[in-house]
Protein backbone atom coordinates (compact mmCIF):
# COMPACT_ATOMS: atom_id res chain seq x y z
CA MET A 1 115.06 99.26 102.79
CA GLU A 2 114.57 102.86 103.77
CA LEU A 3 111.92 101.50 106.24
CA ILE A 4 113.96 98.97 107.78
CA PHE A 5 117.00 101.12 108.16
CA THR A 6 114.63 103.82 109.91
CA ALA A 7 112.95 101.21 112.08
CA ALA A 8 116.41 99.85 113.05
CA THR A 9 117.63 103.28 113.78
CA CYS A 10 114.55 104.03 115.95
CA SER A 11 115.37 100.77 118.01
CA VAL A 12 118.91 101.77 118.53
CA ILE A 13 118.00 105.34 119.51
CA VAL A 14 115.62 103.95 122.16
CA SER A 15 118.61 102.02 123.73
CA ILE A 16 120.77 105.13 123.37
CA LEU A 17 118.33 107.26 125.21
CA LEU A 18 117.29 104.83 127.94
CA LYS A 19 121.10 104.28 128.65
CA TRP A 20 121.76 108.03 128.74
CA PHE A 21 118.68 108.97 130.63
CA LYS A 22 119.45 106.13 133.32
CA ALA A 23 123.06 107.66 133.70
CA GLN A 24 121.42 111.18 134.56
CA ASN A 25 119.37 109.70 137.24
CA TYR A 26 115.97 109.62 135.46
CA VAL A 27 113.34 107.00 136.94
CA PRO A 28 113.30 103.94 134.48
CA MET A 29 109.79 103.02 135.42
CA GLN A 30 108.36 106.47 135.18
CA MET A 31 110.01 106.39 131.71
CA ILE A 32 108.46 103.18 130.80
CA THR A 33 105.16 104.16 131.97
CA ALA A 34 104.97 107.42 129.95
CA ASN A 35 106.33 105.37 126.89
CA TYR A 36 103.39 102.89 126.91
CA ALA A 37 101.08 105.98 127.42
CA ILE A 38 102.16 107.62 124.14
CA ALA A 39 102.61 104.12 122.36
CA SER A 40 98.91 103.24 123.21
CA LEU A 41 97.85 106.62 121.81
CA LEU A 42 99.96 106.40 118.60
CA ALA A 43 98.99 102.85 117.99
CA TYR A 44 95.38 103.71 118.14
CA LEU A 45 95.83 106.76 115.92
CA TRP A 46 97.97 104.70 113.34
CA PHE A 47 96.48 101.37 113.18
CA LYS A 48 92.78 102.37 113.88
CA PRO A 49 91.72 99.29 115.81
CA ASP A 50 87.96 98.41 115.91
CA LEU A 51 87.66 98.41 119.72
CA ALA A 52 84.09 98.86 119.70
CA HIS A 53 83.45 95.22 118.71
CA ILE A 54 85.93 93.28 120.66
CA SER A 55 84.80 89.93 121.59
CA VAL A 56 85.12 89.52 125.31
CA SER A 57 84.62 85.71 125.23
CA GLU A 58 86.97 85.16 122.35
CA THR A 59 89.62 87.58 123.48
CA PRO A 60 92.78 85.73 125.17
CA TRP A 61 92.94 87.97 128.06
CA TRP A 62 95.35 85.80 129.89
CA LEU A 63 97.99 86.49 126.95
CA ILE A 64 97.10 90.27 127.16
CA ILE A 65 97.70 90.29 130.86
CA LEU A 66 100.80 88.19 130.61
CA LEU A 67 102.22 90.41 127.71
CA GLY A 68 101.07 93.54 129.70
CA ILE A 69 103.34 92.41 132.62
CA THR A 70 106.20 91.14 130.22
CA LEU A 71 106.64 94.12 128.22
CA PRO A 72 107.48 96.78 130.89
CA SER A 73 109.47 94.15 132.92
CA VAL A 74 111.72 93.42 129.88
CA PHE A 75 111.87 97.22 129.50
CA LEU A 76 113.35 97.42 132.95
CA CYS A 77 115.81 94.60 132.10
CA LEU A 78 116.86 96.34 129.14
CA SER A 79 117.68 99.53 131.25
CA LYS A 80 119.64 97.54 133.65
CA SER A 81 121.47 95.58 130.89
CA LEU A 82 122.45 98.86 129.12
CA GLN A 83 124.05 99.89 132.29
CA THR A 84 125.70 96.95 133.37
CA ALA A 85 126.67 95.16 130.10
CA GLY A 86 126.76 98.01 127.65
CA ILE A 87 124.79 98.78 124.43
CA VAL A 88 126.70 96.49 122.19
CA LYS A 89 126.24 93.44 124.11
CA THR A 90 122.68 94.28 124.90
CA GLU A 91 121.73 94.94 121.29
CA ILE A 92 123.20 91.57 120.30
CA ALA A 93 121.59 89.70 123.05
CA GLN A 94 118.10 91.32 122.29
CA ARG A 95 118.45 90.20 118.68
CA LEU A 96 119.61 86.85 119.44
CA ALA A 97 116.40 86.08 121.21
CA VAL A 98 115.22 84.79 117.66
CA ILE A 99 117.36 81.76 118.55
CA LEU A 100 115.04 80.69 121.34
CA SER A 101 111.84 81.72 119.43
CA LEU A 102 112.91 79.43 116.61
CA SER A 103 113.45 76.63 119.21
CA ALA A 104 109.91 77.12 120.47
CA ALA A 105 108.69 76.94 116.93
CA TYR A 106 110.36 73.41 116.71
CA PHE A 107 109.22 72.27 120.08
CA LEU A 108 105.99 73.99 120.81
CA PHE A 109 104.57 74.51 117.21
CA GLN A 110 106.14 71.43 115.54
CA GLU A 111 107.77 73.36 112.90
CA LYS A 112 110.02 71.29 110.53
CA PHE A 113 113.84 72.49 110.81
CA SER A 114 116.25 72.40 107.97
CA THR A 115 120.01 72.12 108.28
CA LEU A 116 120.50 75.84 108.00
CA LYS A 117 118.20 76.65 110.82
CA ILE A 118 119.88 74.23 113.05
CA ILE A 119 123.27 75.78 112.03
CA GLY A 120 121.79 79.16 112.80
CA ILE A 121 120.42 78.15 116.26
CA VAL A 122 123.94 76.70 117.13
CA LEU A 123 125.87 79.77 116.04
CA GLY A 124 123.51 81.92 117.99
CA LEU A 125 123.78 80.08 121.27
CA GLY A 126 127.49 80.15 120.70
CA ALA A 127 127.21 83.86 120.23
CA VAL A 128 125.34 84.32 123.60
CA GLY A 129 128.06 82.26 125.26
CA CYS A 130 130.75 84.47 123.91
CA ILE A 131 129.02 87.63 125.18
CA LEU A 132 128.41 86.35 128.56
CA TYR A 133 131.97 84.94 128.84
CA SER A 134 133.36 88.42 127.99
CA HIS A 135 132.19 89.62 131.38
CA GLN A 136 134.63 87.42 133.23
CA GLN A 137 137.51 90.06 133.36
CA GLN A 138 135.27 92.52 135.30
CA SER A 139 134.70 92.45 138.97
CA GLU A 140 132.55 89.60 140.33
CA LYS A 141 129.52 91.96 141.29
CA SER A 142 129.55 93.51 137.81
CA THR A 143 129.93 90.15 136.17
CA LYS A 144 127.05 88.68 137.85
CA GLN A 145 124.83 91.66 137.16
CA GLY A 146 125.93 91.94 133.53
CA MET A 147 125.29 88.30 132.99
CA TYR A 148 121.77 88.20 134.72
CA ALA A 149 120.69 91.41 132.80
CA LEU A 150 121.89 90.06 129.38
CA LEU A 151 120.17 86.71 130.01
CA SER A 152 116.90 88.51 131.21
CA VAL A 153 116.97 90.55 127.99
CA TRP A 154 117.68 87.39 125.90
CA LEU A 155 114.92 85.40 127.41
CA GLY A 156 112.50 88.22 127.90
CA TYR A 157 112.41 89.21 124.27
CA ALA A 158 112.14 85.68 123.19
CA LEU A 159 109.12 85.24 125.53
CA ILE A 160 107.46 88.39 123.95
CA ASP A 161 108.20 87.04 120.39
CA ILE A 162 106.77 83.58 121.41
CA LEU A 163 103.68 85.13 122.98
CA LEU A 164 103.02 87.48 120.04
CA LYS A 165 103.13 84.54 117.51
CA TYR A 166 100.91 82.44 119.72
CA THR A 167 98.51 85.36 119.81
CA SER A 168 98.51 85.86 116.09
CA SER A 169 97.86 82.11 115.46
CA LEU A 170 94.50 82.29 117.53
CA GLY A 171 93.27 84.93 114.92
CA VAL A 172 93.37 87.78 117.11
CA GLN A 173 93.35 91.09 115.29
CA PHE A 174 96.86 92.54 115.49
CA ALA A 175 95.74 96.20 115.64
CA VAL A 176 93.44 95.34 118.52
CA SER A 177 95.81 93.19 120.50
CA LEU A 178 98.62 95.54 120.02
CA ASN A 179 96.56 98.30 121.66
CA LEU A 180 95.33 96.12 124.53
CA MET A 181 98.79 95.00 125.21
CA PHE A 182 100.28 98.48 125.27
CA PHE A 183 97.28 99.80 127.45
CA MET A 184 97.53 96.89 129.95
CA SER A 185 101.43 97.48 130.09
CA LEU A 186 100.27 101.33 130.94
CA ILE A 187 97.86 100.22 133.61
CA LEU A 188 100.09 97.92 135.25
CA SER A 189 103.22 100.20 135.32
CA ILE A 190 100.90 102.89 136.79
CA LEU A 191 99.78 100.60 139.54
CA TYR A 192 103.30 99.34 140.38
CA LEU A 193 104.42 103.07 140.76
CA LEU A 194 101.41 103.88 142.92
CA ILE A 195 101.87 100.69 145.14
CA LYS A 196 105.62 101.83 145.47
CA LYS A 197 104.38 105.41 146.37
CA THR A 198 106.88 106.66 143.85
CA LYS A 199 107.46 110.47 143.84
CA TRP A 200 106.57 111.47 140.26
CA HIS A 201 109.30 113.45 138.34
CA ALA A 202 108.21 115.52 135.23
CA LYS A 203 111.48 114.94 133.68
CA SER A 204 111.26 111.35 133.67
CA LEU A 205 107.70 111.39 132.28
CA CYS A 206 108.92 113.78 129.50
CA ALA A 207 111.95 111.51 128.59
CA GLY A 208 109.41 108.57 128.67
CA LEU A 209 107.19 110.36 126.06
CA LEU A 210 110.44 110.67 123.87
CA LEU A 211 111.22 107.12 124.31
CA GLY A 212 107.66 106.08 123.38
CA LEU A 213 107.73 108.05 120.04
CA PHE A 214 110.94 106.18 119.02
CA ASN A 215 109.65 103.06 120.35
CA PHE A 216 106.44 103.14 118.65
CA ALA A 217 108.17 104.24 115.33
CA ASN A 218 110.33 101.20 115.49
CA ILE A 219 107.16 98.80 115.63
CA ALA A 220 105.14 100.74 113.22
CA LEU A 221 107.91 100.92 110.57
CA TYR A 222 108.73 97.40 111.01
CA VAL A 223 105.19 96.24 110.49
CA LYS A 224 104.96 98.43 107.42
CA ALA A 225 108.19 97.02 105.96
CA HIS A 226 106.60 93.51 106.31
CA ILE A 227 103.51 94.70 104.70
CA LEU A 228 105.15 96.33 101.85
CA LEU A 229 107.72 93.37 101.37
CA LYS A 230 105.25 90.56 102.20
CA ASP A 231 106.74 88.24 99.52
CA SER A 232 110.30 88.72 100.94
CA PRO A 233 110.03 88.35 104.87
CA ALA A 234 113.69 87.09 104.80
CA VAL A 235 114.62 90.59 103.83
CA VAL A 236 112.80 92.47 106.51
CA PHE A 237 114.13 89.87 109.16
CA ALA A 238 117.65 89.75 108.20
CA GLY A 239 117.91 93.50 107.54
CA MET A 240 116.44 94.62 110.64
CA ASN A 241 118.80 92.19 112.68
CA PHE A 242 121.85 93.13 110.92
CA MET A 243 121.09 96.78 111.22
CA VAL A 244 120.27 96.91 114.83
CA ILE A 245 123.40 94.97 115.71
CA LEU A 246 125.69 96.93 113.65
CA LEU A 247 124.31 100.39 114.74
CA GLY A 248 124.42 99.11 118.33
CA VAL A 249 128.01 98.41 117.80
CA ILE A 250 128.72 101.81 116.29
CA ALA A 251 126.73 103.64 118.90
CA GLY A 252 128.67 101.52 121.77
CA LEU A 253 132.12 102.25 120.20
CA PHE A 254 131.95 105.75 119.29
CA ILE A 255 129.19 107.30 121.72
CA PHE A 256 129.77 105.49 124.86
CA LYS A 257 133.33 104.30 124.12
CA GLU A 258 132.84 100.79 125.19
CA GLU A 259 135.49 98.30 124.89
CA MET A 260 135.34 95.49 122.23
CA LYS A 261 136.94 92.29 123.88
CA THR A 262 138.00 89.50 121.56
CA SER A 263 135.10 87.33 122.96
CA THR A 264 132.46 90.13 122.09
CA VAL A 265 133.75 90.42 118.56
CA LEU A 266 133.52 86.47 118.28
CA GLY A 267 130.01 86.72 119.69
CA LEU A 268 129.24 89.36 117.10
CA VAL A 269 130.57 87.37 114.10
CA LEU A 270 128.84 84.23 115.36
CA GLY A 271 125.64 86.15 116.03
CA LEU A 272 125.70 87.77 112.36
CA GLY A 273 126.43 84.13 110.81
CA GLY A 274 123.51 82.72 112.78
CA VAL A 275 121.16 85.49 111.57
CA ILE A 276 122.62 84.91 108.01
CA CYS A 277 121.90 81.22 108.14
CA LEU A 278 118.27 81.77 109.50
CA ALA A 279 117.36 84.25 106.92
CA LEU A 280 118.59 81.96 104.10
CA ALA A 281 116.51 79.20 105.84
CA ILE A 282 113.26 81.03 105.57
């Protein structure tokens, strides 16, 4: 459980840093670029992929490219959501992306669903609805920005999860594919900044390196937890989701002084209930 707790803590730290750096006028895309630079390096050193024997013909490059585009794009959406919707709602929406992933498993991969899984999905969708509804008391502009940002995080993380699941089903070596995805994200992020003729800022790049350390630690520790608890995936899955949501709520309340509306609390309760049902159904 120590690994799961540390991975969850790193995930929430990424959100906290991203929200704080954005408030200090750091450039999000430059931070994201540096993040993938350090993540690519650490992934190579940690997982030691056999990049010398990559099969060009058998590697699903369209998936690598699609993920390379999606990863930094969702990171940008995450930054926007943290500013407009807050860390509490953003973390809940991010973790509830599993609802769409399981729905894809049913419709795309013909996975059989138990009653608990169906209940979990329904509760999760209700939670997302409550979180979005909680924006209605804000200004119209803020409401639209917050809703769009939350939806983009929810849909984006679900898409990443589905694509990663599809990649693993093709037998692509995890270490190699992870490095290629990070590297592709790095290249595309640099190209985007060059096309936009962005003025580079050292502070944003340094902040991105710090983000990358915690972002990679989150992924590496999560994977290691799955390896060590290979016979108990429900423990890893449920533990990670519970801890990220709860730590996100604590950070939002005590660090950023965010307001917890009734609909947000209801969404949190429904979300936790949904994750519990999904964990029991595994």
